[in-house]
PDB file of N, CA and C in Angstrom:
ATOM      1  N   UNK A   1     -10.829  -3.168  17.720  1.00  0.00           N
ATOM      2  CA  UNK A   1      -9.426  -3.464  17.726  1.00  0.00           C
ATOM      3  C   UNK A   1      -8.913  -3.630  19.156  1.00  0.00           C
ATOM      4  N   UNK A   2      -9.469  -2.861  20.085  1.00  0.00           N
ATOM      5  CA  UNK A   2      -8.993  -2.949  21.460  1.00  0.00           C
ATOM      6  C   UNK A   2      -9.476  -4.230  22.128  1.00  0.00           C
ATOM      7  N   UNK A   3     -10.668  -4.690  21.775  1.00  0.00           N
ATOM      8  CA  UNK A   3     -11.195  -5.891  22.421  1.00  0.00           C
ATOM      9  C   UNK A   3     -10.835  -7.164  21.666  1.00  0.00           C
ATOM     10  N   UNK A   4     -10.388  -7.019  20.427  1.00  0.00           N
ATOM     11  CA  UNK A   4     -10.011  -8.177  19.620  1.00  0.00           C
ATOM     12  C   UNK A   4      -8.603  -7.970  19.047  1.00  0.00           C
ATOM     13  N   UNK A   5      -7.560  -8.216  19.849  1.00  0.00           N
ATOM     14  CA  UNK A   5      -6.186  -7.964  19.381  1.00  0.00           C
ATOM     15  C   UNK A   5      -5.813  -8.786  18.151  1.00  0.00           C
ATOM     16  N   UNK A   6      -6.503  -9.886  17.913  1.00  0.00           N
ATOM     17  CA  UNK A   6      -6.188 -10.680  16.720  1.00  0.00           C
ATOM     18  C   UNK A   6      -6.513  -9.911  15.441  1.00  0.00           C
ATOM     19  N   UNK A   7      -7.461  -8.966  15.520  1.00  0.00           N
ATOM     20  CA  UNK A   7      -7.751  -8.136  14.352  1.00  0.00           C
ATOM     21  C   UNK A   7      -6.590  -7.199  14.041  1.00  0.00           C
ATOM     22  N   UNK A   8      -5.954  -6.673  15.075  1.00  0.00           N
ATOM     23  CA  UNK A   8      -4.785  -5.815  14.871  1.00  0.00           C
ATOM     24  C   UNK A   8      -3.655  -6.614  14.220  1.00  0.00           C
ATOM     25  N   UNK A   9      -3.446  -7.837  14.693  1.00  0.00           N
ATOM     26  CA  UNK A   9      -2.409  -8.699  14.120  1.00  0.00           C
ATOM     27  C   UNK A   9      -2.714  -9.004  12.657  1.00  0.00           C
ATOM     28  N   UNK A  10      -3.964  -9.310  12.344  1.00  0.00           N
ATOM     29  CA  UNK A  10      -4.359  -9.600  10.966  1.00  0.00           C
ATOM     30  C   UNK A  10      -4.145  -8.370  10.083  1.00  0.00           C
ATOM     31  N   UNK A  11      -4.490  -7.182  10.587  1.00  0.00           N
ATOM     32  CA  UNK A  11      -4.273  -5.948   9.841  1.00  0.00           C
ATOM     33  C   UNK A  11      -2.786  -5.749   9.557  1.00  0.00           C
ATOM     34  N   UNK A  12      -1.944  -6.019  10.538  1.00  0.00           N
ATOM     35  CA  UNK A  12      -0.493  -5.907  10.342  1.00  0.00           C
ATOM     36  C   UNK A  12       0.000  -6.872   9.278  1.00  0.00           C
ATOM     37  N   UNK A  13      -0.515  -8.088   9.278  1.00  0.00           N
ATOM     38  CA  UNK A  13      -0.122  -9.083   8.274  1.00  0.00           C
ATOM     39  C   UNK A  13      -0.524  -8.630   6.874  1.00  0.00           C
ATOM     40  N   UNK A  14      -1.745  -8.138   6.744  1.00  0.00           N
ATOM     41  CA  UNK A  14      -2.235  -7.687   5.441  1.00  0.00           C
ATOM     42  C   UNK A  14      -1.439  -6.471   4.964  1.00  0.00           C
ATOM     43  N   UNK A  15      -1.182  -5.531   5.875  1.00  0.00           N
ATOM     44  CA  UNK A  15      -0.428  -4.331   5.526  1.00  0.00           C
ATOM     45  C   UNK A  15       0.982  -4.685   5.073  1.00  0.00           C
ATOM     46  N   UNK A  16       1.635  -5.578   5.798  1.00  0.00           N
ATOM     47  CA  UNK A  16       2.991  -5.995   5.424  1.00  0.00           C
ATOM     48  C   UNK A  16       3.002  -6.703   4.077  1.00  0.00           C
ATOM     49  N   UNK A  17       2.018  -7.536   3.814  1.00  0.00           N
ATOM     50  CA  UNK A  17       1.942  -8.224   2.523  1.00  0.00           C
ATOM     51  C   UNK A  17       1.761  -7.211   1.386  1.00  0.00           C
ATOM     52  N   UNK A  18       0.911  -6.214   1.604  1.00  0.00           N
ATOM     53  CA  UNK A  18       0.699  -5.179   0.591  1.00  0.00           C
ATOM     54  C   UNK A  18       1.981  -4.388   0.353  1.00  0.00           C
ATOM     55  N   UNK A  19       2.619  -3.938   1.431  1.00  0.00           N
ATOM     56  CA  UNK A  19       3.860  -3.170   1.297  1.00  0.00           C
ATOM     57  C   UNK A  19       4.939  -3.975   0.580  1.00  0.00           C
ATOM     58  N   UNK A  20       5.102  -5.234   0.957  1.00  0.00           N
ATOM     59  CA  UNK A  20       6.122  -6.077   0.329  1.00  0.00           C
ATOM     60  C   UNK A  20       5.819  -6.325  -1.140  1.00  0.00           C
ATOM     61  N   UNK A  21       4.558  -6.588  -1.448  1.00  0.00           N
ATOM     62  CA  UNK A  21       4.179  -6.838  -2.835  1.00  0.00           C
ATOM     63  C   UNK A  21       4.384  -5.622  -3.715  1.00  0.00           C
ATOM     64  N   UNK A  22       3.972  -4.466  -3.230  1.00  0.00           N
ATOM     65  CA  UNK A  22       4.148  -3.244  -4.021  1.00  0.00           C
ATOM     66  C   UNK A  22       5.621  -2.873  -4.161  1.00  0.00           C
ATOM     67  N   UNK A  23       6.396  -3.067  -3.103  1.00  0.00           N
ATOM     68  CA  UNK A  23       7.836  -2.806  -3.172  1.00  0.00           C
ATOM     69  C   UNK A  23       8.495  -3.748  -4.172  1.00  0.00           C
ATOM     70  N   UNK A  24       8.137  -5.030  -4.123  1.00  0.00           N
ATOM     71  CA  UNK A  24       8.690  -6.010  -5.062  1.00  0.00           C
ATOM     72  C   UNK A  24       8.316  -5.682  -6.505  1.00  0.00           C
ATOM     73  N   UNK A  25       7.162  -5.032  -6.689  1.00  0.00           N
ATOM     74  CA  UNK A  25       6.709  -4.652  -8.036  1.00  0.00           C
ATOM     75  C   UNK A  25       7.365  -3.354  -8.506  1.00  0.00           C
ATOM     76  N   UNK A  26       8.197  -2.749  -7.640  1.00  0.00           N
ATOM     77  CA  UNK A  26       8.943  -1.574  -8.042  1.00  0.00           C
ATOM     78  C   UNK A  26       8.351  -0.241  -7.621  1.00  0.00           C
ATOM     79  N   UNK A  27       7.301  -0.257  -6.800  1.00  0.00           N
ATOM     80  CA  UNK A  27       6.705   0.992  -6.340  1.00  0.00           C
ATOM     81  C   UNK A  27       7.504   1.564  -5.173  1.00  0.00           C
ATOM     82  N   UNK A  28       7.560   2.895  -5.108  1.00  0.00           N
ATOM     83  CA  UNK A  28       8.200   3.597  -3.995  1.00  0.00           C
ATOM     84  C   UNK A  28       7.164   3.741  -2.893  1.00  0.00           C
ATOM     85  N   UNK A  29       7.382   3.066  -1.776  1.00  0.00           N
ATOM     86  CA  UNK A  29       6.411   3.066  -0.691  1.00  0.00           C
ATOM     87  C   UNK A  29       6.748   4.073   0.401  1.00  0.00           C
ATOM     88  N   UNK A  30       7.859   4.754   0.277  1.00  0.00           N
ATOM     89  CA  UNK A  30       8.233   5.713   1.309  1.00  0.00           C
ATOM     90  C   UNK A  30       8.535   4.994   2.615  1.00  0.00           C
ATOM     91  N   UNK A  31       8.421   5.713   3.710  1.00  0.00           N
ATOM     92  CA  UNK A  31       8.698   5.157   5.037  1.00  0.00           C
ATOM     93  C   UNK A  31       7.446   5.333   5.882  1.00  0.00           C
ATOM     94  N   UNK A  32       6.782   4.234   6.208  1.00  0.00           N
ATOM     95  CA  UNK A  32       5.546   4.331   6.973  1.00  0.00           C
ATOM     96  C   UNK A  32       5.479   3.245   8.032  1.00  0.00           C
ATOM     97  N   UNK A  33       4.835   3.558   9.129  1.00  0.00           N
ATOM     98  CA  UNK A  33       4.563   2.585  10.187  1.00  0.00           C
ATOM     99  C   UNK A  33       3.073   2.528  10.452  1.00  0.00           C
ATOM    100  N   UNK A  34       2.301   2.743   9.422  1.00  0.00           N
ATOM    101  CA  UNK A  34       0.857   2.857   9.553  1.00  0.00           C
ATOM    102  C   UNK A  34       0.182   1.914   8.567  1.00  0.00           C
ATOM    103  N   UNK A  35      -1.023   1.437   8.883  1.00  0.00           N
ATOM    104  CA  UNK A  35      -1.759   0.628   7.911  1.00  0.00           C
ATOM    105  C   UNK A  35      -2.234   1.447   6.706  1.00  0.00           C
ATOM    106  N   UNK A  36      -2.152   2.787   6.815  1.00  0.00           N
ATOM    107  CA  UNK A  36      -2.435   3.639   5.663  1.00  0.00           C
ATOM    108  C   UNK A  36      -1.197   3.577   4.777  1.00  0.00           C
ATOM    109  N   UNK A  37      -1.352   3.079   3.563  1.00  0.00           N
ATOM    110  CA  UNK A  37      -0.211   2.777   2.711  1.00  0.00           C
ATOM    111  C   UNK A  37      -0.023   3.835   1.629  1.00  0.00           C
ATOM    112  N   UNK A  38       1.020   4.673   1.766  1.00  0.00           N
ATOM    113  CA  UNK A  38       1.278   5.652   0.713  1.00  0.00           C
ATOM    114  C   UNK A  38       1.971   4.987  -0.468  1.00  0.00           C
ATOM    115  N   UNK A  39       1.641   5.429  -1.659  1.00  0.00           N
ATOM    116  CA  UNK A  39       2.329   4.958  -2.863  1.00  0.00           C
ATOM    117  C   UNK A  39       2.760   6.203  -3.620  1.00  0.00           C
ATOM    118  N   UNK A  40       4.057   6.360  -3.816  1.00  0.00           N
ATOM    119  CA  UNK A  40       4.591   7.499  -4.543  1.00  0.00           C
ATOM    120  C   UNK A  40       4.785   7.086  -5.989  1.00  0.00           C
ATOM    121  N   UNK A  41       4.198   7.840  -6.890  1.00  0.00           N
ATOM    122  CA  UNK A  41       4.259   7.511  -8.308  1.00  0.00           C
ATOM    123  C   UNK A  41       5.228   8.443  -9.016  1.00  0.00           C
ATOM    124  N   UNK A  42       6.047   7.860  -9.853  1.00  0.00           N
ATOM    125  CA  UNK A  42       6.956   8.629 -10.701  1.00  0.00           C
ATOM    126  C   UNK A  42       6.538   8.365 -12.140  1.00  0.00           C
ATOM    127  N   UNK A  43       6.116   9.382 -12.809  1.00  0.00           N
ATOM    128  CA  UNK A  43       5.708   9.210 -14.193  1.00  0.00           C
ATOM    129  C   UNK A  43       4.980  10.437 -14.674  1.00  0.00           C
ATOM    130  N   UNK A  44       4.544  10.353 -15.898  1.00  0.00           N
ATOM    131  CA  UNK A  44       3.817  11.466 -16.490  1.00  0.00           C
ATOM    132  C   UNK A  44       2.373  11.453 -16.004  1.00  0.00           C
ATOM    133  N   UNK A  45       1.697  12.551 -16.217  1.00  0.00           N
ATOM    134  CA  UNK A  45       0.287  12.628 -15.845  1.00  0.00           C
ATOM    135  C   UNK A  45      -0.510  11.564 -16.610  1.00  0.00           C
ATOM    136  N   UNK A  46      -0.154  11.347 -17.858  1.00  0.00           N
ATOM    137  CA  UNK A  46      -0.857  10.345 -18.653  1.00  0.00           C
ATOM    138  C   UNK A  46      -0.683   8.941 -18.073  1.00  0.00           C
ATOM    139  N   UNK A  47       0.535   8.602 -17.658  1.00  0.00           N
ATOM    140  CA  UNK A  47       0.799   7.283 -17.077  1.00  0.00           C
ATOM    141  C   UNK A  47       0.034   7.094 -15.769  1.00  0.00           C
ATOM    142  N   UNK A  48       0.014   8.118 -14.950  1.00  0.00           N
ATOM    143  CA  UNK A  48      -0.683   8.028 -13.674  1.00  0.00           C
ATOM    144  C   UNK A  48      -2.190   7.940 -13.909  1.00  0.00           C
ATOM    145  N   UNK A  49      -2.693   8.674 -14.890  1.00  0.00           N
ATOM    146  CA  UNK A  49      -4.123   8.621 -15.209  1.00  0.00           C
ATOM    147  C   UNK A  49      -4.529   7.219 -15.640  1.00  0.00           C
ATOM    148  N   UNK A  50      -3.717   6.572 -16.450  1.00  0.00           N
ATOM    149  CA  UNK A  50      -3.996   5.194 -16.871  1.00  0.00           C
ATOM    150  C   UNK A  50      -3.996   4.266 -15.662  1.00  0.00           C
ATOM    151  N   UNK A  51      -3.034   4.432 -14.770  1.00  0.00           N
ATOM    152  CA  UNK A  51      -2.976   3.600 -13.569  1.00  0.00           C
ATOM    153  C   UNK A  51      -4.221   3.772 -12.712  1.00  0.00           C
ATOM    154  N   UNK A  52      -4.641   5.017 -12.506  1.00  0.00           N
ATOM    155  CA  UNK A  52      -5.837   5.283 -11.699  1.00  0.00           C
ATOM    156  C   UNK A  52      -7.051   4.632 -12.340  1.00  0.00           C
ATOM    157  N   UNK A  53      -7.180   4.751 -13.645  1.00  0.00           N
ATOM    158  CA  UNK A  53      -8.315   4.129 -14.343  1.00  0.00           C
ATOM    159  C   UNK A  53      -8.274   2.607 -14.203  1.00  0.00           C
ATOM    160  N   UNK A  54      -7.090   2.027 -14.280  1.00  0.00           N
ATOM    161  CA  UNK A  54      -6.946   0.568 -14.123  1.00  0.00           C
ATOM    162  C   UNK A  54      -7.326   0.125 -12.715  1.00  0.00           C
ATOM    163  N   UNK A  55      -7.033   0.951 -11.726  1.00  0.00           N
ATOM    164  CA  UNK A  55      -7.361   0.588 -10.337  1.00  0.00           C
ATOM    165  C   UNK A  55      -8.835   0.672 -10.038  1.00  0.00           C
ATOM    166  N   UNK A  56      -9.560   1.448 -10.816  1.00  0.00           N
ATOM    167  CA  UNK A  56     -11.000   1.568 -10.590  1.00  0.00           C
ATOM    168  C   UNK A  56     -11.649   0.329 -11.056  1.00  0.00           C
TER     169      UNK A  56
END
């Protein structure tokens, strides 16, 4: 990342696209300035379990 600044820029673009897409889909993304993207889930344990299984 230090020797190839274009990789940092690409990471920022991808992170912003992910944050915007998840926010537009109604997910609570909290407040972050990091490429590590938190997703806060509101729902029952059953709903979250189904989501986790779908993501696998």
